[in-house]
PDB file of N, CA and C in Angstrom:
ATOM      1  N   MET A   1      11.891   1.083   4.226  1.00  0.00           N
ATOM      2  CA  MET A   1      12.131   1.160   5.759  1.00  0.00           C
ATOM      3  C   MET A   1      10.673   1.657   6.297  1.00  0.00           C
ATOM      4  N   ASN A   2       9.611   2.314   5.743  1.00  0.00           N
ATOM      5  CA  ASN A   2       8.428   2.183   5.949  1.00  0.00           C
ATOM      6  C   ASN A   2       7.431   0.953   6.283  1.00  0.00           C
ATOM      7  N   ASP A   3       7.789  -0.241   6.281  1.00  0.00           N
ATOM      8  CA  ASP A   3       7.655  -1.403   6.174  1.00  0.00           C
ATOM      9  C   ASP A   3       7.880  -2.166   7.989  1.00  0.00           C
ATOM     10  N   LEU A   4       8.885  -1.133   8.904  1.00  0.00           N
ATOM     11  CA  LEU A   4       9.187  -1.589   9.997  1.00  0.00           C
ATOM     12  C   LEU A   4       8.294  -1.167  10.798  1.00  0.00           C
ATOM     13  N   SER A   5       8.254  -1.320  12.222  1.00  0.00           N
ATOM     14  CA  SER A   5       7.560  -1.138  13.382  1.00  0.00           C
ATOM     15  C   SER A   5       9.350  -0.211  13.565  1.00  0.00           C
ATOM     16  N   GLY A   6       8.804   0.730  14.882  1.00  0.00           N
ATOM     17  CA  GLY A   6       9.652   1.263  15.685  1.00  0.00           C
ATOM     18  C   GLY A   6      10.689   0.701  16.407  1.00  0.00           C
ATOM     19  N   PHE A   7      10.340  -0.772  16.541  1.00  0.00           N
ATOM     20  CA  PHE A   7      11.210  -1.739  17.189  1.00  0.00           C
ATOM     21  C   PHE A   7      12.396  -2.102  16.506  1.00  0.00           C
ATOM     22  N   GLN A   8      11.616  -2.549  15.610  1.00  0.00           N
ATOM     23  CA  GLN A   8      12.567  -2.614  14.395  1.00  0.00           C
ATOM     24  C   GLN A   8      13.428  -2.117  13.603  1.00  0.00           C
ATOM     25  N   ARG A   9      13.020  -0.664  13.770  1.00  0.00           N
ATOM     26  CA  ARG A   9      14.321   0.182  13.756  1.00  0.00           C
ATOM     27  C   ARG A   9      15.260   0.408  13.993  1.00  0.00           C
ATOM     28  N   ASP A  10      14.667   0.283  15.374  1.00  0.00           N
ATOM     29  CA  ASP A  10      15.615   0.758  16.964  1.00  0.00           C
ATOM     30  C   ASP A  10      16.656  -0.754  16.609  1.00  0.00           C
ATOM     31  N   LEU A  11      16.245  -1.885  16.301  1.00  0.00           N
ATOM     32  CA  LEU A  11      17.568  -3.056  15.982  1.00  0.00           C
ATOM     33  C   LEU A  11      17.939  -2.668  14.742  1.00  0.00           C
ATOM     34  N   LEU A  12      17.527  -2.228  14.163  1.00  0.00           N
ATOM     35  CA  LEU A  12      18.620  -1.837  12.920  1.00  0.00           C
ATOM     36  C   LEU A  12      19.519  -0.829  13.145  1.00  0.00           C
ATOM     37  N   TRP A  13      19.320   0.090  13.824  1.00  0.00           N
ATOM     38  CA  TRP A  13      19.974   0.823  14.604  1.00  0.00           C
ATOM     39  C   TRP A  13      21.551   0.158  14.934  1.00  0.00           C
ATOM     40  N   VAL A  14      20.994  -0.206  15.976  1.00  0.00           N
ATOM     41  CA  VAL A  14      21.768  -0.882  17.064  1.00  0.00           C
ATOM     42  C   VAL A  14      22.951  -2.175  16.328  1.00  0.00           C
ATOM     43  N   ILE A  15      22.490  -2.816  15.393  1.00  0.00           N
ATOM     44  CA  ILE A  15      23.122  -3.694  14.646  1.00  0.00           C
ATOM     45  C   ILE A  15      23.961  -2.885  13.512  1.00  0.00           C
ATOM     46  N   ALA A  16      23.556  -1.110  13.102  1.00  0.00           N
ATOM     47  CA  ALA A  16      24.260  -1.241  12.247  1.00  0.00           C
ATOM     48  C   ALA A  16      25.650  -0.457  13.095  1.00  0.00           C
ATOM     49  N   GLY A  17      25.700  -0.342  14.457  1.00  0.00           N
ATOM     50  CA  GLY A  17      26.623   0.383  15.036  1.00  0.00           C
ATOM     51  C   GLY A  17      27.909  -0.452  15.772  1.00  0.00           C
ATOM     52  N   LYS A  18      27.526  -1.792  15.180  1.00  0.00           N
ATOM     53  CA  LYS A  18      28.135  -3.109  15.900  1.00  0.00           C
ATOM     54  C   LYS A  18      28.784  -3.937  14.565  1.00  0.00           C
ATOM     55  N   GLU A  19      29.668  -4.655  15.293  1.00  0.00           N
ATOM     56  CA  GLU A  19      30.400  -5.578  13.699  1.00  0.00           C
ATOM     57  C   GLU A  19      29.981  -6.695  14.232  1.00  0.00           C
ATOM     58  N   GLN A  20      28.934  -7.030  13.897  1.00  0.00           N
ATOM     59  CA  GLN A  20      28.916  -8.562  14.050  1.00  0.00           C
ATOM     60  C   GLN A  20      28.262  -9.118  14.939  1.00  0.00           C
ATOM     61  N   PRO A  21      27.109  -8.313  15.595  1.00  0.00           N
ATOM     62  CA  PRO A  21      26.693  -8.824  16.955  1.00  0.00           C
ATOM     63  C   PRO A  21      25.867  -9.698  17.186  1.00  0.00           C
ATOM     64  N   SER A  22      25.894 -10.770  18.355  1.00  0.00           N
ATOM     65  CA  SER A  22      25.005 -11.562  18.438  1.00  0.00           C
ATOM     66  C   SER A  22      23.404 -11.039  18.882  1.00  0.00           C
ATOM     67  N   GLY A  23      22.531 -11.949  19.205  1.00  0.00           N
ATOM     68  CA  GLY A  23      21.327 -12.103  19.147  1.00  0.00           C
ATOM     69  C   GLY A  23      21.397 -11.470  20.789  1.00  0.00           C
ATOM     70  N   GLN A  24      22.163 -11.684  21.767  1.00  0.00           N
ATOM     71  CA  GLN A  24      22.005 -11.472  23.134  1.00  0.00           C
ATOM     72  C   GLN A  24      22.993  -9.998  23.174  1.00  0.00           C
ATOM     73  N   GLU A  25      24.023  -9.619  22.085  1.00  0.00           N
ATOM     74  CA  GLU A  25      24.326  -8.267  22.223  1.00  0.00           C
ATOM     75  C   GLU A  25      23.373  -6.851  21.971  1.00  0.00           C
ATOM     76  N   VAL A  26      23.143  -7.793  20.926  1.00  0.00           N
ATOM     77  CA  VAL A  26      21.806  -6.634  20.415  1.00  0.00           C
ATOM     78  C   VAL A  26      20.596  -5.952  21.194  1.00  0.00           C
ATOM     79  N   LYS A  27      20.589  -7.046  22.338  1.00  0.00           N
ATOM     80  CA  LYS A  27      19.642  -7.226  23.205  1.00  0.00           C
ATOM     81  C   LYS A  27      20.025  -6.626  24.174  1.00  0.00           C
ATOM     82  N   THR A  28      21.249  -7.185  24.543  1.00  0.00           N
ATOM     83  CA  THR A  28      21.813  -5.640  26.089  1.00  0.00           C
ATOM     84  C   THR A  28      21.788  -4.449  25.564  1.00  0.00           C
ATOM     85  N   GLU A  29      22.089  -3.759  24.414  1.00  0.00           N
ATOM     86  CA  GLU A  29      22.647  -2.812  24.050  1.00  0.00           C
ATOM     87  C   GLU A  29      21.165  -2.039  23.706  1.00  0.00           C
ATOM     88  N   LEU A  30      19.940  -2.978  23.974  1.00  0.00           N
ATOM     89  CA  LEU A  30      19.054  -2.130  23.381  1.00  0.00           C
ATOM     90  C   LEU A  30      18.275  -1.646  24.831  1.00  0.00           C
ATOM     91  N   GLU A  31      18.622  -2.712  25.499  1.00  0.00           N
ATOM     92  CA  GLU A  31      17.940  -2.396  26.979  1.00  0.00           C
ATOM     93  C   GLU A  31      18.286  -1.279  27.548  1.00  0.00           C
ATOM     94  N   GLU A  32      19.630  -0.658  27.135  1.00  0.00           N
ATOM     95  CA  GLU A  32      20.165   0.414  28.085  1.00  0.00           C
ATOM     96  C   GLU A  32      19.137   1.329  27.343  1.00  0.00           C
ATOM     97  N   TYR A  33      18.403   1.469  25.866  1.00  0.00           N
ATOM     98  CA  TYR A  33      18.142   2.728  26.012  1.00  0.00           C
ATOM     99  C   TYR A  33      16.888   2.734  26.359  1.00  0.00           C
ATOM    100  N   VAL A  34      16.210   1.566  26.211  1.00  0.00           N
ATOM    101  CA  VAL A  34      14.217   1.539  26.240  1.00  0.00           C
ATOM    102  C   VAL A  34      13.971   0.987  27.961  1.00  0.00           C
ATOM    103  N   GLU A  35      15.493   1.528  28.897  1.00  0.00           N
ATOM    104  CA  GLU A  35      15.537   1.262  29.994  1.00  0.00           C
ATOM    105  C   GLU A  35      14.201   0.096  30.589  1.00  0.00           C
ATOM    106  N   GLY A  36      14.354  -1.198  29.856  1.00  0.00           N
ATOM    107  CA  GLY A  36      13.642  -2.425  30.540  1.00  0.00           C
ATOM    108  C   GLY A  36      13.789  -3.810  29.425  1.00  0.00           C
ATOM    109  N   GLU A  37      13.465  -4.449  30.214  1.00  0.00           N
ATOM    110  CA  GLU A  37      13.879  -6.035  29.763  1.00  0.00           C
ATOM    111  C   GLU A  37      13.144  -6.137  28.416  1.00  0.00           C
ATOM    112  N   ILE A  38      13.915  -6.584  27.435  1.00  0.00           N
ATOM    113  CA  ILE A  38      13.218  -7.205  26.509  1.00  0.00           C
ATOM    114  C   ILE A  38      13.649  -8.957  26.574  1.00  0.00           C
ATOM    115  N   ASN A  39      12.036  -9.421  26.163  1.00  0.00           N
ATOM    116  CA  ASN A  39      12.120 -10.591  26.248  1.00  0.00           C
ATOM    117  C   ASN A  39      12.405 -11.448  24.823  1.00  0.00           C
ATOM    118  N   HIS A  40      13.260 -12.208  24.909  1.00  0.00           N
ATOM    119  CA  HIS A  40      13.226 -13.468  23.798  1.00  0.00           C
ATOM    120  C   HIS A  40      12.407 -13.442  22.274  1.00  0.00           C
ATOM    121  N   GLY A  41      10.730 -13.423  23.309  1.00  0.00           N
ATOM    122  CA  GLY A  41       9.642 -13.628  22.090  1.00  0.00           C
ATOM    123  C   GLY A  41       9.437 -12.217  21.350  1.00  0.00           C
ATOM    124  N   ARG A  42       9.721 -11.711  22.480  1.00  0.00           N
ATOM    125  CA  ARG A  42      10.155  -9.839  21.442  1.00  0.00           C
ATOM    126  C   ARG A  42      10.746 -10.298  20.676  1.00  0.00           C
ATOM    127  N   LEU A  43      12.691 -10.276  21.172  1.00  0.00           N
ATOM    128  CA  LEU A  43      13.480  -9.897  20.214  1.00  0.00           C
ATOM    129  C   LEU A  43      13.850 -10.645  18.994  1.00  0.00           C
ATOM    130  N   TYR A  44      13.942 -11.849  18.954  1.00  0.00           N
ATOM    131  CA  TYR A  44      13.794 -12.902  17.721  1.00  0.00           C
ATOM    132  C   TYR A  44      13.106 -12.600  16.511  1.00  0.00           C
ATOM    133  N   PRO A  45      11.861 -12.654  17.077  1.00  0.00           N
ATOM    134  CA  PRO A  45      11.099 -12.808  15.962  1.00  0.00           C
ATOM    135  C   PRO A  45      10.854 -11.392  15.109  1.00  0.00           C
ATOM    136  N   ASN A  46      11.352 -10.347  15.680  1.00  0.00           N
ATOM    137  CA  ASN A  46      11.798  -8.831  15.165  1.00  0.00           C
ATOM    138  C   ASN A  46      13.152  -9.207  14.149  1.00  0.00           C
ATOM    139  N   LEU A  47      13.992  -9.711  14.649  1.00  0.00           N
ATOM    140  CA  LEU A  47      15.212 -10.130  14.219  1.00  0.00           C
ATOM    141  C   LEU A  47      15.375 -10.863  13.013  1.00  0.00           C
ATOM    142  N   ASP A  48      14.056 -11.773  13.084  1.00  0.00           N
ATOM    143  CA  ASP A  48      14.085 -12.643  11.437  1.00  0.00           C
ATOM    144  C   ASP A  48      13.498 -11.799  10.493  1.00  0.00           C
ATOM    145  N   THR A  49      12.169 -10.931  11.274  1.00  0.00           N
ATOM    146  CA  THR A  49      11.709 -10.363  10.622  1.00  0.00           C
ATOM    147  C   THR A  49      12.696  -9.190   9.278  1.00  0.00           C
ATOM    148  N   LEU A  50      13.666  -8.714   9.890  1.00  0.00           N
ATOM    149  CA  LEU A  50      14.957  -8.074   9.577  1.00  0.00           C
ATOM    150  C   LEU A  50      15.502  -8.789   8.568  1.00  0.00           C
ATOM    151  N   VAL A  51      15.864  -9.665   8.669  1.00  0.00           N
ATOM    152  CA  VAL A  51      16.617 -10.950   7.821  1.00  0.00           C
ATOM    153  C   VAL A  51      15.712 -11.129   6.976  1.00  0.00           C
ATOM    154  N   ASN A  52      14.537 -11.742   7.287  1.00  0.00           N
ATOM    155  CA  ASN A  52      13.107 -11.992   6.047  1.00  0.00           C
ATOM    156  C   ASN A  52      13.367 -10.565   4.556  1.00  0.00           C
ATOM    157  N   LYS A  53      13.496  -9.549   5.433  1.00  0.00           N
ATOM    158  CA  LYS A  53      13.313  -8.271   4.643  1.00  0.00           C
ATOM    159  C   LYS A  53      14.471  -7.473   3.567  1.00  0.00           C
ATOM    160  N   SER A  54      15.460  -8.406   4.209  1.00  0.00           N
ATOM    161  CA  SER A  54      17.020  -8.014   3.609  1.00  0.00           C
ATOM    162  C   SER A  54      18.015  -6.917   4.136  1.00  0.00           C
ATOM    163  N   TYR A  55      17.447  -6.881   5.563  1.00  0.00           N
ATOM    164  CA  TYR A  55      17.482  -5.804   5.971  1.00  0.00           C
ATOM    165  C   TYR A  55      18.943  -5.934   6.733  1.00  0.00           C
ATOM    166  N   VAL A  56      19.022  -7.198   6.996  1.00  0.00           N
ATOM    167  CA  VAL A  56      19.920  -7.786   8.330  1.00  0.00           C
ATOM    168  C   VAL A  56      20.460  -9.327   7.300  1.00  0.00           C
ATOM    169  N   ASP A  57      21.565  -9.603   7.911  1.00  0.00           N
ATOM    170  CA  ASP A  57      22.415 -11.109   7.732  1.00  0.00           C
ATOM    171  C   ASP A  57      22.294 -11.828   8.662  1.00  0.00           C
ATOM    172  N   LYS A  58      22.427 -12.868   8.552  1.00  0.00           N
ATOM    173  CA  LYS A  58      22.191 -13.570   9.633  1.00  0.00           C
ATOM    174  C   LYS A  58      22.939 -15.156   9.406  1.00  0.00           C
ATOM    175  N   GLY A  59      24.167 -15.261  10.566  1.00  0.00           N
ATOM    176  CA  GLY A  59      24.855 -15.992  10.317  1.00  0.00           C
ATOM    177  C   GLY A  59      25.207 -16.901  11.382  1.00  0.00           C
ATOM    178  N   PRO A  60      25.730 -18.265  11.555  1.00  0.00           N
ATOM    179  CA  PRO A  60      26.435 -18.483  13.000  1.00  0.00           C
ATOM    180  C   PRO A  60      27.815 -18.169  13.390  1.00  0.00           C
ATOM    181  N   ILE A  61      27.400 -18.029  14.539  1.00  0.00           N
ATOM    182  CA  ILE A  61      28.870 -17.626  15.710  1.00  0.00           C
ATOM    183  C   ILE A  61      29.399 -19.516  16.189  1.00  0.00           C
ATOM    184  N   ASP A  62      28.530 -20.241  16.578  1.00  0.00           N
ATOM    185  CA  ASP A  62      28.560 -21.431  17.105  1.00  0.00           C
ATOM    186  C   ASP A  62      27.345 -22.144  16.866  1.00  0.00           C
ATOM    187  N   ARG A  63      27.130 -23.200  17.821  1.00  0.00           N
ATOM    188  CA  ARG A  63      26.161 -24.118  17.135  1.00  0.00           C
ATOM    189  C   ARG A  63      24.634 -23.246  18.195  1.00  0.00           C
ATOM    190  N   ARG A  64      24.827 -22.287  19.185  1.00  0.00           N
ATOM    191  CA  ARG A  64      24.370 -21.567  19.695  1.00  0.00           C
ATOM    192  C   ARG A  64      23.768 -20.679  19.200  1.00  0.00           C
ATOM    193  N   THR A  65      24.655 -19.715  18.513  1.00  0.00           N
ATOM    194  CA  THR A  65      24.181 -18.610  18.621  1.00  0.00           C
ATOM    195  C   THR A  65      24.730 -17.836  17.335  1.00  0.00           C
ATOM    196  N   ASN A  66      23.455 -16.753  16.833  1.00  0.00           N
ATOM    197  CA  ASN A  66      24.353 -16.125  15.692  1.00  0.00           C
ATOM    198  C   ASN A  66      24.753 -14.534  15.750  1.00  0.00           C
ATOM    199  N   TYR A  67      24.998 -14.374  15.048  1.00  0.00           N
ATOM    200  CA  TYR A  67      25.164 -13.250  14.516  1.00  0.00           C
ATOM    201  C   TYR A  67      24.812 -12.065  13.208  1.00  0.00           C
ATOM    202  N   TYR A  68      24.368 -11.254  13.488  1.00  0.00           N
ATOM    203  CA  TYR A  68      23.058  -9.992  13.012  1.00  0.00           C
ATOM    204  C   TYR A  68      24.414  -9.139  12.135  1.00  0.00           C
ATOM    205  N   ALA A  69      24.081  -9.025  10.811  1.00  0.00           N
ATOM    206  CA  ALA A  69      24.511  -7.632   9.968  1.00  0.00           C
ATOM    207  C   ALA A  69      24.330  -7.463   9.144  1.00  0.00           C
ATOM    208  N   ILE A  70      24.227  -5.896   9.436  1.00  0.00           N
ATOM    209  CA  ILE A  70      23.578  -5.096   8.597  1.00  0.00           C
ATOM    210  C   ILE A  70      23.725  -5.473   6.965  1.00  0.00           C
ATOM    211  N   THR A  71      22.635  -5.044   5.935  1.00  0.00           N
ATOM    212  CA  THR A  71      22.980  -5.460   4.429  1.00  0.00           C
ATOM    213  C   THR A  71      23.569  -3.961   3.685  1.00  0.00           C
ATOM    214  N   GLU A  72      23.497  -3.656   2.356  1.00  0.00           N
ATOM    215  CA  GLU A  72      23.848  -2.676   1.753  1.00  0.00           C
ATOM    216  C   GLU A  72      21.983  -2.293   1.637  1.00  0.00           C
ATOM    217  N   LYS A  73      21.267  -2.696   1.859  1.00  0.00           N
ATOM    218  CA  LYS A  73      19.699  -2.407   1.637  1.00  0.00           C
ATOM    219  C   LYS A  73      19.306  -1.744   3.062  1.00  0.00           C
ATOM    220  N   GLY A  74      20.107  -2.692   4.281  1.00  0.00           N
ATOM    221  CA  GLY A  74      19.471  -1.694   5.466  1.00  0.00           C
ATOM    222  C   GLY A  74      20.155  -0.607   5.857  1.00  0.00           C
ATOM    223  N   ARG A  75      21.446  -0.392   5.279  1.00  0.00           N
ATOM    224  CA  ARG A  75      22.477   0.989   5.127  1.00  0.00           C
ATOM    225  C   ARG A  75      21.494   1.962   4.602  1.00  0.00           C
ATOM    226  N   GLU A  76      20.780   1.791   3.112  1.00  0.00           N
ATOM    227  CA  GLU A  76      20.920   2.934   2.445  1.00  0.00           C
ATOM    228  C   GLU A  76      19.523   3.242   2.899  1.00  0.00           C
ATOM    229  N   SER A  77      18.439   1.708   3.553  1.00  0.00           N
ATOM    230  CA  SER A  77      17.880   2.449   4.376  1.00  0.00           C
ATOM    231  C   SER A  77      17.670   3.451   5.000  1.00  0.00           C
ATOM    232  N   LEU A  78      18.504   2.789   6.138  1.00  0.00           N
ATOM    233  CA  LEU A  78      18.852   3.752   7.081  1.00  0.00           C
ATOM    234  C   LEU A  78      19.549   5.836   6.851  1.00  0.00           C
ATOM    235  N   ARG A  79      20.068   5.398   5.884  1.00  0.00           N
ATOM    236  CA  ARG A  79      20.516   7.067   5.161  1.00  0.00           C
ATOM    237  C   ARG A  79      19.103   7.724   4.671  1.00  0.00           C
ATOM    238  N   THR A  80      18.354   7.277   3.574  1.00  0.00           N
ATOM    239  CA  THR A  80      16.660   7.493   3.651  1.00  0.00           C
ATOM    240  C   THR A  80      16.354   8.073   4.730  1.00  0.00           C
ATOM    241  N   ARG A  81      15.947   7.502   5.045  1.00  0.00           N
ATOM    242  CA  ARG A  81      15.319   7.621   7.104  1.00  0.00           C
ATOM    243  C   ARG A  81      15.687   9.393   7.376  1.00  0.00           C
ATOM    244  N   ARG A  82      17.461   8.662   7.397  1.00  0.00           N
ATOM    245  CA  ARG A  82      18.041   9.945   8.237  1.00  0.00           C
ATOM    246  C   ARG A  82      17.329  11.448   7.522  1.00  0.00           C
ATOM    247  N   ASP A  83      17.628  10.942   5.973  1.00  0.00           N
ATOM    248  CA  ASP A  83      16.798  12.432   5.522  1.00  0.00           C
ATOM    249  C   ASP A  83      15.921  12.400   5.232  1.00  0.00           C
ATOM    250  N   TRP A  84      15.283  11.859   5.550  1.00  0.00           N
ATOM    251  CA  TRP A  84      13.689  12.105   5.485  1.00  0.00           C
ATOM    252  C   TRP A  84      13.327  13.030   7.021  1.00  0.00           C
ATOM    253  N   GLU A  85      13.590  12.472   8.036  1.00  0.00           N
ATOM    254  CA  GLU A  85      13.879  13.032   9.337  1.00  0.00           C
ATOM    255  C   GLU A  85      14.361  14.637   9.141  1.00  0.00           C
ATOM    256  N   ASN A  86      15.326  14.471   8.407  1.00  0.00           N
ATOM    257  CA  ASN A  86      16.278  15.832   8.551  1.00  0.00           C
ATOM    258  C   ASN A  86      15.569  16.626   7.766  1.00  0.00           C
ATOM    259  N   GLN A  87      14.857  16.504   6.992  1.00  0.00           N
ATOM    260  CA  GLN A  87      13.734  17.738   6.412  1.00  0.00           C
ATOM    261  C   GLN A  87      13.051  18.135   7.301  1.00  0.00           C
ATOM    262  N   TYR A  88      12.488  17.697   8.413  1.00  0.00           N
ATOM    263  CA  TYR A  88      11.322  18.250   9.342  1.00  0.00           C
ATOM    264  C   TYR A  88      12.175  18.787  10.461  1.00  0.00           C
ATOM    265  N   VAL A  89      13.267  18.545  10.993  1.00  0.00           N
ATOM    266  CA  VAL A  89      13.647  18.428  12.069  1.00  0.00           C
ATOM    267  C   VAL A  89      15.092  18.650  11.853  1.00  0.00           C
ATOM    268  N   SER A  90      16.037  20.013  12.925  1.00  0.00           N
ATOM    269  CA  SER A  90      16.932  20.312  12.635  1.00  0.00           C
ATOM    270  C   SER A  90      17.838  20.439  13.930  1.00  0.00           C
ATOM    271  N   LEU A  91      18.597  19.520  14.247  1.00  0.00           N
ATOM    272  CA  LEU A  91      19.334  19.284  15.902  1.00  0.00           C
ATOM    273  C   LEU A  91      20.292  20.088  15.840  1.00  0.00           C
ATOM    274  N   GLU A  92      20.763  20.936  14.757  1.00  0.00           N
ATOM    275  CA  GLU A  92      21.808  22.237  15.068  1.00  0.00           C
ATOM    276  C   GLU A  92      21.480  23.563  15.192  1.00  0.00           C
TER     277      GLU A  92
END
């Protein structure tokens, strides 16, 4: 996961928390967190990077819309990242 940007990690977290969201659903969810608009030119190349690196699977919903689903590699990477973060910060 250290090969991902912060934005890509945020996308991965959103995808992990949803049941096969579309790109638009991921965008809407993340825009609530970042408090701003995410344009398509930023969103879809980063989603494609997650797919190309096998963190996420992509499949068709209909002719114009794709879904994104976290892979086991993606889940394991999030777990590893969380463990790494927890050794430095305890929020309890």
